Amino acid sequence: MKALPTQFVLHKVTKRRRFSLLHLITYIVIALLIIIIIYPFFNSYQSVFKNPEVYIYVLLTSIIFWFWDSYYSWFSAS
């Protein structure tokens, strides 16, 4: 299974642990930055920070990716 550039950096900088909170925080920050960049293209009438759906999408996206990274990278390292 291929890793994304974020995973390469995280696995080089940190020790490889399952369900690391540092990885989760990193994924939350990256997801928030991506939504801040993309959101104005689709909703120019509303601020990205005033919409509560944005925070739900950020959390769900980062948690799903965190589980995927923790589970599959653990077994692919063996």
Protein backbone atom coordinates (compact mmCIF):
# COMPACT_ATOMS: atom_id res chain seq x y z
CA MET A 1 0.00 0.00 0.00
CA LYS A 2 1.39 3.38 -0.99
CA ALA A 3 1.78 6.19 1.53
CA LEU A 4 0.98 9.84 1.03
CA PRO A 5 3.69 12.51 1.49
CA THR A 6 2.21 13.39 4.87
CA GLN A 7 2.66 9.82 6.01
CA PHE A 8 6.27 9.73 4.80
CA VAL A 9 7.12 12.81 6.83
CA LEU A 10 5.27 11.68 9.95
CA HIS A 11 6.79 8.22 9.91
CA LYS A 12 10.29 9.62 9.45
CA VAL A 13 9.95 12.26 12.19
CA THR A 14 8.07 10.22 14.80
CA LYS A 15 8.31 6.66 15.98
CA ARG A 16 5.89 4.35 14.25
CA ARG A 17 3.04 3.89 16.72
CA ARG A 18 -0.54 2.90 16.25
CA PHE A 19 -3.07 5.67 16.80
CA SER A 20 -0.59 8.41 17.64
CA LEU A 21 -2.21 11.65 18.81
CA LEU A 22 0.48 13.66 17.03
CA HIS A 23 -0.63 12.08 13.76
CA LEU A 24 -4.29 12.88 14.51
CA ILE A 25 -3.48 16.53 15.29
CA THR A 26 -1.42 16.78 12.12
CA TYR A 27 -4.26 15.35 10.03
CA ILE A 28 -6.74 17.78 11.62
CA VAL A 29 -4.51 20.76 10.81
CA ILE A 30 -3.91 19.60 7.23
CA ALA A 31 -7.62 18.94 6.66
CA LEU A 32 -8.49 22.38 8.05
CA LEU A 33 -5.92 24.06 5.80
CA ILE A 34 -7.22 22.25 2.73
CA ILE A 35 -10.82 23.20 3.50
CA ILE A 36 -9.80 26.83 4.13
CA ILE A 37 -8.17 26.87 0.69
CA ILE A 38 -10.96 25.06 -1.21
CA TYR A 39 -14.08 26.39 0.58
CA PRO A 40 -14.13 29.90 -0.98
CA PHE A 41 -14.35 28.41 -4.48
CA PHE A 42 -17.70 26.79 -3.67
CA ASN A 43 -19.22 29.15 -1.07
CA SER A 44 -18.15 32.73 -1.62
CA TYR A 45 -21.05 34.18 0.36
CA GLN A 46 -20.13 32.74 3.77
CA SER A 47 -17.02 32.60 5.91
CA VAL A 48 -15.42 29.21 6.34
CA PHE A 49 -15.22 29.62 10.13
CA LYS A 50 -18.93 30.46 10.59
CA ASN A 51 -20.16 27.20 9.11
CA PRO A 52 -20.27 24.35 11.67
CA GLU A 53 -20.36 21.73 8.89
CA VAL A 54 -16.76 22.59 8.08
CA TYR A 55 -15.58 21.47 11.49
CA ILE A 56 -17.54 18.24 11.21
CA TYR A 57 -15.98 17.51 7.80
CA VAL A 58 -12.50 18.30 9.12
CA LEU A 59 -12.88 16.02 12.12
CA LEU A 60 -14.45 13.16 10.18
CA THR A 61 -11.89 13.35 7.40
CA SER A 62 -8.94 13.43 9.77
CA ILE A 63 -10.29 10.63 12.00
CA ILE A 64 -10.96 8.38 9.00
CA PHE A 65 -7.50 9.04 7.61
CA TRP A 66 -5.97 8.52 11.07
CA PHE A 67 -7.62 5.09 11.39
CA TRP A 68 -6.60 4.18 7.86
CA ASP A 69 -3.02 5.26 8.42
CA SER A 70 -2.71 3.61 11.83
CA TYR A 71 -4.25 0.33 10.80
CA TYR A 72 -2.76 -0.22 7.35
CA SER A 73 0.67 1.26 7.97
CA TRP A 74 1.05 -0.98 11.02
CA PHE A 75 0.47 -4.13 8.96
CA SER A 76 2.43 -3.01 5.92
CA ALA A 77 5.52 -2.42 8.09
CA SER A 78 5.67 -6.08 9.07
